[in-house]
């Protein structure tokens, strides 16, 4: 993280939707607990896999939302200023996209 990202007053792009993200992540946390119970209760494999798929989709949705926020806020802002910070933000975004594609 750069000094700008940790400086007082810096606002992350997702902050306007922070509560939405927290609600979604809490739901995903509940799904994870449900998956644990399913395994403990020895539920049918396919039913567990179906829930894993749903949880994976929910996490991907959060990730894509955060990525969109990052591109439209952090990367766009850095690109407007230009220079090495803009290059770094593009590299960060590219690396994040690559991680998402591999997962």
PDB file of N, CA and C in Angstrom:
ATOM      1  N   UNK A   1       0.834  -1.182   0.000  1.00  0.00           N
ATOM      2  CA  UNK A   1       0.000   0.000   0.000  1.00  0.00           C
ATOM      3  C   UNK A   1       0.875   1.240   0.000  1.00  0.00           C
ATOM      4  N   UNK A   2       0.411   2.249  -0.680  1.00  0.00           N
ATOM      5  CA  UNK A   2       1.159   3.493  -0.715  1.00  0.00           C
ATOM      6  C   UNK A   2       0.779   4.347   0.483  1.00  0.00           C
ATOM      7  N   UNK A   3       1.600   5.373   0.729  1.00  0.00           N
ATOM      8  CA  UNK A   3       1.304   6.283   1.828  1.00  0.00           C
ATOM      9  C   UNK A   3      -0.052   6.937   1.629  1.00  0.00           C
ATOM     10  N   UNK A   4      -0.393   7.216   0.369  1.00  0.00           N
ATOM     11  CA  UNK A   4      -1.679   7.844   0.071  1.00  0.00           C
ATOM     12  C   UNK A   4      -2.838   6.937   0.487  1.00  0.00           C
ATOM     13  N   UNK A   5      -2.689   5.637   0.306  1.00  0.00           N
ATOM     14  CA  UNK A   5      -3.764   4.702   0.622  1.00  0.00           C
ATOM     15  C   UNK A   5      -3.983   4.556   2.115  1.00  0.00           C
ATOM     16  N   UNK A   6      -2.957   4.823   2.918  1.00  0.00           N
ATOM     17  CA  UNK A   6      -3.080   4.688   4.360  1.00  0.00           C
ATOM     18  C   UNK A   6      -3.168   6.039   5.052  1.00  0.00           C
ATOM     19  N   UNK A   7      -3.078   7.110   4.291  1.00  0.00           N
ATOM     20  CA  UNK A   7      -3.114   8.452   4.874  1.00  0.00           C
ATOM     21  C   UNK A   7      -4.504   8.761   5.402  1.00  0.00           C
ATOM     22  N   UNK A   8      -4.566   9.524   6.515  1.00  0.00           N
ATOM     23  CA  UNK A   8      -5.880   9.926   7.020  1.00  0.00           C
ATOM     24  C   UNK A   8      -6.636  10.700   5.943  1.00  0.00           C
ATOM     25  N   UNK A   9      -7.903  10.410   5.823  1.00  0.00           N
ATOM     26  CA  UNK A   9      -8.718  11.108   4.845  1.00  0.00           C
ATOM     27  C   UNK A   9      -8.800  10.412   3.498  1.00  0.00           C
ATOM     28  N   UNK A  10      -7.939   9.409   3.249  1.00  0.00           N
ATOM     29  CA  UNK A  10      -8.030   8.668   1.987  1.00  0.00           C
ATOM     30  C   UNK A  10      -9.298   7.818   2.016  1.00  0.00           C
ATOM     31  N   UNK A  11     -10.066   7.873   0.955  1.00  0.00           N
ATOM     32  CA  UNK A  11     -11.320   7.121   0.878  1.00  0.00           C
ATOM     33  C   UNK A  11     -11.181   6.054  -0.193  1.00  0.00           C
ATOM     34  N   UNK A  12     -11.419   4.805   0.200  1.00  0.00           N
ATOM     35  CA  UNK A  12     -11.393   3.706  -0.761  1.00  0.00           C
ATOM     36  C   UNK A  12     -12.655   3.748  -1.608  1.00  0.00           C
ATOM     37  N   UNK A  13     -12.556   3.263  -2.830  1.00  0.00           N
ATOM     38  CA  UNK A  13     -13.666   3.319  -3.769  1.00  0.00           C
ATOM     39  C   UNK A  13     -14.908   2.584  -3.311  1.00  0.00           C
ATOM     40  N   UNK A  14     -14.746   1.525  -2.535  1.00  0.00           N
ATOM     41  CA  UNK A  14     -15.894   0.716  -2.122  1.00  0.00           C
ATOM     42  C   UNK A  14     -16.636   1.291  -0.920  1.00  0.00           C
ATOM     43  N   UNK A  15     -16.114   2.345  -0.330  1.00  0.00           N
ATOM     44  CA  UNK A  15     -16.632   2.835   0.948  1.00  0.00           C
ATOM     45  C   UNK A  15     -18.118   3.199   0.889  1.00  0.00           C
ATOM     46  N   UNK A  16     -18.588   3.676  -0.250  1.00  0.00           N
ATOM     47  CA  UNK A  16     -20.003   4.046  -0.360  1.00  0.00           C
ATOM     48  C   UNK A  16     -20.914   2.822  -0.301  1.00  0.00           C
ATOM     49  N   UNK A  17     -20.358   1.649  -0.581  1.00  0.00           N
ATOM     50  CA  UNK A  17     -21.130   0.397  -0.542  1.00  0.00           C
ATOM     51  C   UNK A  17     -20.633  -0.544   0.545  1.00  0.00           C
ATOM     52  N   UNK A  18     -19.898  -0.003   1.490  1.00  0.00           N
ATOM     53  CA  UNK A  18     -19.298  -0.810   2.553  1.00  0.00           C
ATOM     54  C   UNK A  18     -20.336  -1.681   3.266  1.00  0.00           C
ATOM     55  N   UNK A  19     -21.468  -1.095   3.647  1.00  0.00           N
ATOM     56  CA  UNK A  19     -22.487  -1.868   4.361  1.00  0.00           C
ATOM     57  C   UNK A  19     -23.021  -3.023   3.518  1.00  0.00           C
ATOM     58  N   UNK A  20     -23.194  -2.787   2.223  1.00  0.00           N
ATOM     59  CA  UNK A  20     -23.641  -3.862   1.326  1.00  0.00           C
ATOM     60  C   UNK A  20     -22.630  -4.995   1.295  1.00  0.00           C
ATOM     61  N   UNK A  21     -21.357  -4.633   1.180  1.00  0.00           N
ATOM     62  CA  UNK A  21     -20.316  -5.662   1.152  1.00  0.00           C
ATOM     63  C   UNK A  21     -20.274  -6.433   2.469  1.00  0.00           C
ATOM     64  N   UNK A  22     -20.397  -5.725   3.576  1.00  0.00           N
ATOM     65  CA  UNK A  22     -20.373  -6.404   4.877  1.00  0.00           C
ATOM     66  C   UNK A  22     -21.558  -7.358   5.023  1.00  0.00           C
ATOM     67  N   UNK A  23     -22.744  -6.943   4.578  1.00  0.00           N
ATOM     68  CA  UNK A  23     -23.915  -7.831   4.634  1.00  0.00           C
ATOM     69  C   UNK A  23     -23.685  -9.082   3.803  1.00  0.00           C
ATOM     70  N   UNK A  24     -23.155  -8.891   2.605  1.00  0.00           N
ATOM     71  CA  UNK A  24     -22.915 -10.038   1.723  1.00  0.00           C
ATOM     72  C   UNK A  24     -21.871 -10.967   2.329  1.00  0.00           C
ATOM     73  N   UNK A  25     -20.814 -10.395   2.902  1.00  0.00           N
ATOM     74  CA  UNK A  25     -19.772 -11.223   3.516  1.00  0.00           C
ATOM     75  C   UNK A  25     -20.294 -11.961   4.745  1.00  0.00           C
ATOM     76  N   UNK A  26     -21.187 -11.349   5.494  1.00  0.00           N
ATOM     77  CA  UNK A  26     -21.783 -12.037   6.646  1.00  0.00           C
ATOM     78  C   UNK A  26     -22.666 -13.202   6.179  1.00  0.00           C
ATOM     79  N   UNK A  27     -23.372 -12.995   5.061  1.00  0.00           N
ATOM     80  CA  UNK A  27     -24.169 -14.097   4.503  1.00  0.00           C
ATOM     81  C   UNK A  27     -23.257 -15.244   4.066  1.00  0.00           C
ATOM     82  N   UNK A  28     -22.143 -14.900   3.448  1.00  0.00           N
ATOM     83  CA  UNK A  28     -21.178 -15.921   3.016  1.00  0.00           C
ATOM     84  C   UNK A  28     -20.610 -16.647   4.228  1.00  0.00           C
ATOM     85  N   UNK A  29     -20.351 -15.906   5.291  1.00  0.00           N
ATOM     86  CA  UNK A  29     -19.873 -16.525   6.533  1.00  0.00           C
ATOM     87  C   UNK A  29     -20.903 -17.532   7.045  1.00  0.00           C
ATOM     88  N   UNK A  30     -22.177 -17.168   6.972  1.00  0.00           N
ATOM     89  CA  UNK A  30     -23.245 -18.094   7.360  1.00  0.00           C
ATOM     90  C   UNK A  30     -23.279 -19.321   6.470  1.00  0.00           C
ATOM     91  N   UNK A  31     -23.046 -19.113   5.175  1.00  0.00           N
ATOM     92  CA  UNK A  31     -22.987 -20.248   4.254  1.00  0.00           C
ATOM     93  C   UNK A  31     -21.852 -21.186   4.634  1.00  0.00           C
ATOM     94  N   UNK A  32     -20.717 -20.626   5.035  1.00  0.00           N
ATOM     95  CA  UNK A  32     -19.571 -21.463   5.425  1.00  0.00           C
ATOM     96  C   UNK A  32     -19.912 -22.290   6.670  1.00  0.00           C
ATOM     97  N   UNK A  33     -20.590 -21.670   7.623  1.00  0.00           N
ATOM     98  CA  UNK A  33     -21.005 -22.422   8.810  1.00  0.00           C
ATOM     99  C   UNK A  33     -22.005 -23.515   8.429  1.00  0.00           C
ATOM    100  N   UNK A  34     -22.898 -23.195   7.487  1.00  0.00           N
ATOM    101  CA  UNK A  34     -23.848 -24.193   7.014  1.00  0.00           C
ATOM    102  C   UNK A  34     -23.157 -25.369   6.348  1.00  0.00           C
ATOM    103  N   UNK A  35     -22.115 -25.079   5.583  1.00  0.00           N
ATOM    104  CA  UNK A  35     -21.339 -26.151   4.951  1.00  0.00           C
ATOM    105  C   UNK A  35     -20.681 -27.044   6.006  1.00  0.00           C
ATOM    106  N   UNK A  36     -20.154 -26.428   7.048  1.00  0.00           N
ATOM    107  CA  UNK A  36     -19.551 -27.214   8.128  1.00  0.00           C
ATOM    108  C   UNK A  36     -20.582 -28.144   8.757  1.00  0.00           C
ATOM    109  N   UNK A  37     -21.786 -27.606   8.992  1.00  0.00           N
ATOM    110  CA  UNK A  37     -22.856 -28.433   9.580  1.00  0.00           C
ATOM    111  C   UNK A  37     -23.245 -29.576   8.641  1.00  0.00           C
ATOM    112  N   UNK A  38     -23.281 -29.276   7.348  1.00  0.00           N
ATOM    113  CA  UNK A  38     -23.632 -30.323   6.387  1.00  0.00           C
ATOM    114  C   UNK A  38     -22.630 -31.479   6.442  1.00  0.00           C
ATOM    115  N   UNK A  39     -21.351 -31.144   6.545  1.00  0.00           N
ATOM    116  CA  UNK A  39     -20.329 -32.188   6.629  1.00  0.00           C
ATOM    117  C   UNK A  39     -20.450 -32.922   7.965  1.00  0.00           C
ATOM    118  N   UNK A  40     -20.625 -32.155   9.046  1.00  0.00           N
ATOM    119  CA  UNK A  40     -20.791 -32.793  10.362  1.00  0.00           C
ATOM    120  C   UNK A  40     -21.979 -33.749  10.368  1.00  0.00           C
ATOM    121  N   UNK A  41     -23.060 -33.349   9.700  1.00  0.00           N
ATOM    122  CA  UNK A  41     -24.279 -34.157   9.657  1.00  0.00           C
ATOM    123  C   UNK A  41     -24.251 -35.207   8.551  1.00  0.00           C
ATOM    124  N   UNK A  42     -23.122 -35.293   7.851  1.00  0.00           N
ATOM    125  CA  UNK A  42     -22.902 -36.293   6.810  1.00  0.00           C
ATOM    126  C   UNK A  42     -23.971 -36.237   5.715  1.00  0.00           C
ATOM    127  N   UNK A  43     -24.227 -35.024   5.241  1.00  0.00           N
ATOM    128  CA  UNK A  43     -25.195 -34.831   4.158  1.00  0.00           C
ATOM    129  C   UNK A  43     -24.637 -35.381   2.850  1.00  0.00           C
ATOM    130  N   UNK A  44     -25.498 -35.521   1.886  1.00  0.00           N
ATOM    131  CA  UNK A  44     -25.152 -36.074   0.572  1.00  0.00           C
ATOM    132  C   UNK A  44     -24.117 -35.179  -0.122  1.00  0.00           C
ATOM    133  N   UNK A  45     -23.106 -35.802  -0.710  1.00  0.00           N
ATOM    134  CA  UNK A  45     -21.986 -35.085  -1.345  1.00  0.00           C
ATOM    135  C   UNK A  45     -22.442 -34.021  -2.335  1.00  0.00           C
ATOM    136  N   UNK A  46     -23.380 -34.376  -3.183  1.00  0.00           N
ATOM    137  CA  UNK A  46     -23.832 -33.452  -4.221  1.00  0.00           C
ATOM    138  C   UNK A  46     -24.501 -32.231  -3.595  1.00  0.00           C
ATOM    139  N   UNK A  47     -25.230 -32.429  -2.509  1.00  0.00           N
ATOM    140  CA  UNK A  47     -25.853 -31.292  -1.826  1.00  0.00           C
ATOM    141  C   UNK A  47     -24.787 -30.350  -1.264  1.00  0.00           C
ATOM    142  N   UNK A  48     -23.738 -30.909  -0.720  1.00  0.00           N
ATOM    143  CA  UNK A  48     -22.636 -30.093  -0.187  1.00  0.00           C
ATOM    144  C   UNK A  48     -21.954 -29.348  -1.337  1.00  0.00           C
ATOM    145  N   UNK A  49     -21.676 -30.056  -2.421  1.00  0.00           N
ATOM    146  CA  UNK A  49     -21.027 -29.424  -3.573  1.00  0.00           C
ATOM    147  C   UNK A  49     -21.881 -28.301  -4.152  1.00  0.00           C
ATOM    148  N   UNK A  50     -23.180 -28.478  -4.147  1.00  0.00           N
ATOM    149  CA  UNK A  50     -24.087 -27.428  -4.630  1.00  0.00           C
ATOM    150  C   UNK A  50     -23.932 -26.177  -3.768  1.00  0.00           C
ATOM    151  N   UNK A  51     -23.843 -26.360  -2.465  1.00  0.00           N
ATOM    152  CA  UNK A  51     -23.679 -25.216  -1.564  1.00  0.00           C
ATOM    153  C   UNK A  51     -22.289 -24.587  -1.696  1.00  0.00           C
ATOM    154  N   UNK A  52     -21.271 -25.404  -1.939  1.00  0.00           N
ATOM    155  CA  UNK A  52     -19.922 -24.864  -2.185  1.00  0.00           C
ATOM    156  C   UNK A  52     -19.954 -23.987  -3.427  1.00  0.00           C
ATOM    157  N   UNK A  53     -20.636 -24.449  -4.465  1.00  0.00           N
ATOM    158  CA  UNK A  53     -20.745 -23.677  -5.695  1.00  0.00           C
ATOM    159  C   UNK A  53     -21.451 -22.345  -5.443  1.00  0.00           C
ATOM    160  N   UNK A  54     -22.512 -22.363  -4.659  1.00  0.00           N
ATOM    161  CA  UNK A  54     -23.242 -21.132  -4.340  1.00  0.00           C
ATOM    162  C   UNK A  54     -22.357 -20.161  -3.562  1.00  0.00           C
ATOM    163  N   UNK A  55     -21.595 -20.691  -2.635  1.00  0.00           N
ATOM    164  CA  UNK A  55     -20.707 -19.851  -1.840  1.00  0.00           C
ATOM    165  C   UNK A  55     -19.583 -19.279  -2.711  1.00  0.00           C
ATOM    166  N   UNK A  56     -19.060 -20.080  -3.599  1.00  0.00           N
ATOM    167  CA  UNK A  56     -18.016 -19.619  -4.517  1.00  0.00           C
ATOM    168  C   UNK A  56     -18.545 -18.491  -5.399  1.00  0.00           C
ATOM    169  N   UNK A  57     -19.753 -18.653  -5.900  1.00  0.00           N
ATOM    170  CA  UNK A  57     -20.367 -17.605  -6.732  1.00  0.00           C
ATOM    171  C   UNK A  57     -20.556 -16.322  -5.938  1.00  0.00           C
ATOM    172  N   UNK A  58     -20.972 -16.457  -4.689  1.00  0.00           N
ATOM    173  CA  UNK A  58     -21.173 -15.277  -3.843  1.00  0.00           C
ATOM    174  C   UNK A  58     -19.846 -14.554  -3.610  1.00  0.00           C
ATOM    175  N   UNK A  59     -18.779 -15.292  -3.351  1.00  0.00           N
ATOM    176  CA  UNK A  59     -17.462 -14.684  -3.166  1.00  0.00           C
ATOM    177  C   UNK A  59     -16.973 -14.018  -4.450  1.00  0.00           C
ATOM    178  N   UNK A  60     -17.202 -14.665  -5.575  1.00  0.00           N
ATOM    179  CA  UNK A  60     -16.806 -14.074  -6.850  1.00  0.00           C
ATOM    180  C   UNK A  60     -17.564 -12.782  -7.112  1.00  0.00           C
ATOM    181  N   UNK A  61     -18.815 -12.738  -6.726  1.00  0.00           N
ATOM    182  CA  UNK A  61     -19.612 -11.533  -6.897  1.00  0.00           C
ATOM    183  C   UNK A  61     -19.045 -10.383  -6.070  1.00  0.00           C
ATOM    184  N   UNK A  62     -18.660 -10.667  -4.844  1.00  0.00           N
ATOM    185  CA  UNK A  62     -18.031  -9.641  -3.998  1.00  0.00           C
ATOM    186  C   UNK A  62     -16.719  -9.186  -4.630  1.00  0.00           C
ATOM    187  N   UNK A  63     -15.928 -10.141  -5.078  1.00  0.00           N
ATOM    188  CA  UNK A  63     -14.636  -9.810  -5.683  1.00  0.00           C
ATOM    189  C   UNK A  63     -14.806  -8.938  -6.923  1.00  0.00           C
ATOM    190  N   UNK A  64     -15.752  -9.280  -7.768  1.00  0.00           N
ATOM    191  CA  UNK A  64     -15.980  -8.491  -8.980  1.00  0.00           C
ATOM    192  C   UNK A  64     -16.471  -7.081  -8.650  1.00  0.00           C
ATOM    193  N   UNK A  65     -17.307  -6.976  -7.642  1.00  0.00           N
ATOM    194  CA  UNK A  65     -17.766  -5.661  -7.210  1.00  0.00           C
ATOM    195  C   UNK A  65     -16.622  -4.809  -6.700  1.00  0.00           C
ATOM    196  N   UNK A  66     -15.769  -5.399  -5.880  1.00  0.00           N
ATOM    197  CA  UNK A  66     -14.609  -4.667  -5.360  1.00  0.00           C
ATOM    198  C   UNK A  66     -13.651  -4.288  -6.481  1.00  0.00           C
ATOM    199  N   UNK A  67     -13.472  -5.181  -7.431  1.00  0.00           N
ATOM    200  CA  UNK A  67     -12.601  -4.886  -8.561  1.00  0.00           C
ATOM    201  C   UNK A  67     -13.157  -3.724  -9.376  1.00  0.00           C
ATOM    202  N   UNK A  68     -14.452  -3.751  -9.623  1.00  0.00           N
ATOM    203  CA  UNK A  68     -15.079  -2.652 -10.360  1.00  0.00           C
ATOM    204  C   UNK A  68     -14.898  -1.328  -9.618  1.00  0.00           C
ATOM    205  N   UNK A  69     -15.094  -1.356  -8.306  1.00  0.00           N
ATOM    206  CA  UNK A  69     -14.904  -0.142  -7.496  1.00  0.00           C
ATOM    207  C   UNK A  69     -13.454   0.333  -7.594  1.00  0.00           C
ATOM    208  N   UNK A  70     -12.516  -0.603  -7.522  1.00  0.00           N
ATOM    209  CA  UNK A  70     -11.093  -0.256  -7.581  1.00  0.00           C
ATOM    210  C   UNK A  70     -10.757   0.384  -8.926  1.00  0.00           C
ATOM    211  N   UNK A  71     -11.254  -0.215 -10.003  1.00  0.00           N
ATOM    212  CA  UNK A  71     -10.969   0.332 -11.331  1.00  0.00           C
ATOM    213  C   UNK A  71     -11.573   1.720 -11.517  1.00  0.00           C
ATOM    214  N   UNK A  72     -12.816   1.886 -11.099  1.00  0.00           N
ATOM    215  CA  UNK A  72     -13.488   3.158 -11.343  1.00  0.00           C
ATOM    216  C   UNK A  72     -13.056   4.253 -10.379  1.00  0.00           C
ATOM    217  N   UNK A  73     -12.448   3.884  -9.268  1.00  0.00           N
ATOM    218  CA  UNK A  73     -12.040   4.896  -8.301  1.00  0.00           C
ATOM    219  C   UNK A  73     -10.514   5.020  -8.258  1.00  0.00           C
ATOM    220  N   UNK A  74      -9.854   4.028  -7.723  1.00  0.00           N
ATOM    221  CA  UNK A  74      -8.406   4.096  -7.492  1.00  0.00           C
ATOM    222  C   UNK A  74      -7.609   4.184  -8.794  1.00  0.00           C
ATOM    223  N   UNK A  75      -7.912   3.283  -9.737  1.00  0.00           N
ATOM    224  CA  UNK A  75      -7.154   3.258 -10.989  1.00  0.00           C
ATOM    225  C   UNK A  75      -7.469   4.502 -11.817  1.00  0.00           C
ATOM    226  N   UNK A  76      -8.740   4.860 -11.906  1.00  0.00           N
ATOM    227  CA  UNK A  76      -9.108   6.048 -12.686  1.00  0.00           C
ATOM    228  C   UNK A  76      -8.474   7.312 -12.113  1.00  0.00           C
ATOM    229  N   UNK A  77      -8.481   7.413 -10.786  1.00  0.00           N
ATOM    230  CA  UNK A  77      -7.873   8.579 -10.133  1.00  0.00           C
ATOM    231  C   UNK A  77      -6.376   8.639 -10.409  1.00  0.00           C
ATOM    232  N   UNK A  78      -5.695   7.515 -10.278  1.00  0.00           N
ATOM    233  CA  UNK A  78      -4.253   7.471 -10.530  1.00  0.00           C
ATOM    234  C   UNK A  78      -3.953   7.754 -12.004  1.00  0.00           C
ATOM    235  N   UNK A  79      -4.786   7.250 -12.896  1.00  0.00           N
ATOM    236  CA  UNK A  79      -4.574   7.481 -14.327  1.00  0.00           C
ATOM    237  C   UNK A  79      -4.720   8.968 -14.661  1.00  0.00           C
ATOM    238  N   UNK A  80      -5.629   9.636 -13.979  1.00  0.00           N
ATOM    239  CA  UNK A  80      -5.814  11.076 -14.219  1.00  0.00           C
ATOM    240  C   UNK A  80      -4.567  11.862 -13.820  1.00  0.00           C
ATOM    241  N   UNK A  81      -3.902  11.409 -12.772  1.00  0.00           N
ATOM    242  CA  UNK A  81      -2.674  12.066 -12.313  1.00  0.00           C
ATOM    243  C   UNK A  81      -1.501  11.650 -13.195  1.00  0.00           C
ATOM    244  N   UNK A  82      -1.489  10.377 -13.584  1.00  0.00           N
ATOM    245  CA  UNK A  82      -0.421   9.851 -14.430  1.00  0.00           C
ATOM    246  C   UNK A  82       0.821   9.497 -13.635  1.00  0.00           C
ATOM    247  N   UNK A  83       1.867   9.165 -14.349  1.00  0.00           N
ATOM    248  CA  UNK A  83       3.145   8.855 -13.733  1.00  0.00           C
ATOM    249  C   UNK A  83       3.227   7.445 -13.186  1.00  0.00           C
ATOM    250  N   UNK A  84       4.232   7.211 -12.320  1.00  0.00           N
ATOM    251  CA  UNK A  84       4.490   5.861 -11.809  1.00  0.00           C
ATOM    252  C   UNK A  84       3.330   5.289 -10.983  1.00  0.00           C
ATOM    253  N   UNK A  85       2.600   6.160 -10.295  1.00  0.00           N
ATOM    254  CA  UNK A  85       1.471   5.657  -9.500  1.00  0.00           C
ATOM    255  C   UNK A  85       0.398   5.058 -10.406  1.00  0.00           C
ATOM    256  N   UNK A  86       0.155   5.693 -11.537  1.00  0.00           N
ATOM    257  CA  UNK A  86      -0.824   5.159 -12.491  1.00  0.00           C
ATOM    258  C   UNK A  86      -0.367   3.803 -13.003  1.00  0.00           C
ATOM    259  N   UNK A  87       0.904   3.701 -13.340  1.00  0.00           N
ATOM    260  CA  UNK A  87       1.442   2.422 -13.807  1.00  0.00           C
ATOM    261  C   UNK A  87       1.284   1.345 -12.740  1.00  0.00           C
ATOM    262  N   UNK A  88       1.563   1.691 -11.493  1.00  0.00           N
ATOM    263  CA  UNK A  88       1.459   0.736 -10.389  1.00  0.00           C
ATOM    264  C   UNK A  88       0.010   0.291 -10.188  1.00  0.00           C
ATOM    265  N   UNK A  89      -0.928   1.210 -10.270  1.00  0.00           N
ATOM    266  CA  UNK A  89      -2.346   0.853 -10.093  1.00  0.00           C
ATOM    267  C   UNK A  89      -2.813  -0.090 -11.206  1.00  0.00           C
ATOM    268  N   UNK A  90      -2.370   0.135 -12.410  1.00  0.00           N
ATOM    269  CA  UNK A  90      -2.729  -0.753 -13.518  1.00  0.00           C
ATOM    270  C   UNK A  90      -2.124  -2.133 -13.285  1.00  0.00           C
ATOM    271  N   UNK A  91      -0.866  -2.190 -12.830  1.00  0.00           N
ATOM    272  CA  UNK A  91      -0.232  -3.486 -12.528  1.00  0.00           C
ATOM    273  C   UNK A  91      -0.991  -4.213 -11.416  1.00  0.00           C
ATOM    274  N   UNK A  92      -1.367  -3.482 -10.365  1.00  0.00           N
ATOM    275  CA  UNK A  92      -2.134  -4.091  -9.272  1.00  0.00           C
ATOM    276  C   UNK A  92      -3.444  -4.672  -9.786  1.00  0.00           C
ATOM    277  N   UNK A  93      -4.152  -3.883 -10.580  1.00  0.00           N
ATOM    278  CA  UNK A  93      -5.440  -4.337 -11.109  1.00  0.00           C
ATOM    279  C   UNK A  93      -5.258  -5.564 -12.006  1.00  0.00           C
ATOM    280  N   UNK A  94      -4.236  -5.544 -12.846  1.00  0.00           N
ATOM    281  CA  UNK A  94      -3.968  -6.693 -13.724  1.00  0.00           C
ATOM    282  C   UNK A  94      -3.668  -7.943 -12.913  1.00  0.00           C
ATOM    283  N   UNK A  95      -2.879  -7.796 -11.861  1.00  0.00           N
ATOM    284  CA  UNK A  95      -2.545  -8.940 -10.996  1.00  0.00           C
ATOM    285  C   UNK A  95      -3.798  -9.457 -10.289  1.00  0.00           C
ATOM    286  N   UNK A  96      -4.656  -8.553  -9.838  1.00  0.00           N
ATOM    287  CA  UNK A  96      -5.893  -8.967  -9.166  1.00  0.00           C
ATOM    288  C   UNK A  96      -6.798  -9.717 -10.138  1.00  0.00           C
ATOM    289  N   UNK A  97      -6.904  -9.221 -11.349  1.00  0.00           N
ATOM    290  CA  UNK A  97      -7.721  -9.887 -12.363  1.00  0.00           C
ATOM    291  C   UNK A  97      -7.155 -11.276 -12.661  1.00  0.00           C
ATOM    292  N   UNK A  98      -5.847 -11.372 -12.774  1.00  0.00           N
ATOM    293  CA  UNK A  98      -5.208 -12.676 -13.037  1.00  0.00           C
ATOM    294  C   UNK A  98      -5.512 -13.665 -11.894  1.00  0.00           C
ATOM    295  N   UNK A  99      -5.459 -13.186 -10.651  1.00  0.00           N
ATOM    296  CA  UNK A  99      -5.771 -14.069  -9.511  1.00  0.00           C
ATOM    297  C   UNK A  99      -7.224 -14.529  -9.567  1.00  0.00           C
ATOM    298  N   UNK A 100      -8.125 -13.625  -9.918  1.00  0.00           N
ATOM    299  CA  UNK A 100      -9.537 -13.990 -10.005  1.00  0.00           C
ATOM    300  C   UNK A 100      -9.793 -15.000 -11.126  1.00  0.00           C
ATOM    301  N   UNK A 101      -9.129 -14.821 -12.234  1.00  0.00           N
ATOM    302  CA  UNK A 101      -9.305 -15.736 -13.367  1.00  0.00           C
ATOM    303  C   UNK A 101      -8.792 -17.130 -13.001  1.00  0.00           C
ATOM    304  N   UNK A 102      -7.683 -17.193 -12.275  1.00  0.00           N
ATOM    305  CA  UNK A 102      -7.114 -18.494 -11.889  1.00  0.00           C
ATOM    306  C   UNK A 102      -7.950 -19.196 -10.829  1.00  0.00           C
ATOM    307  N   UNK A 103      -8.697 -18.444 -10.044  1.00  0.00           N
ATOM    308  CA  UNK A 103      -9.434 -19.090  -8.937  1.00  0.00           C
ATOM    309  C   UNK A 103     -10.707 -19.745  -9.391  1.00  0.00           C
TER     310      UNK A 103
END
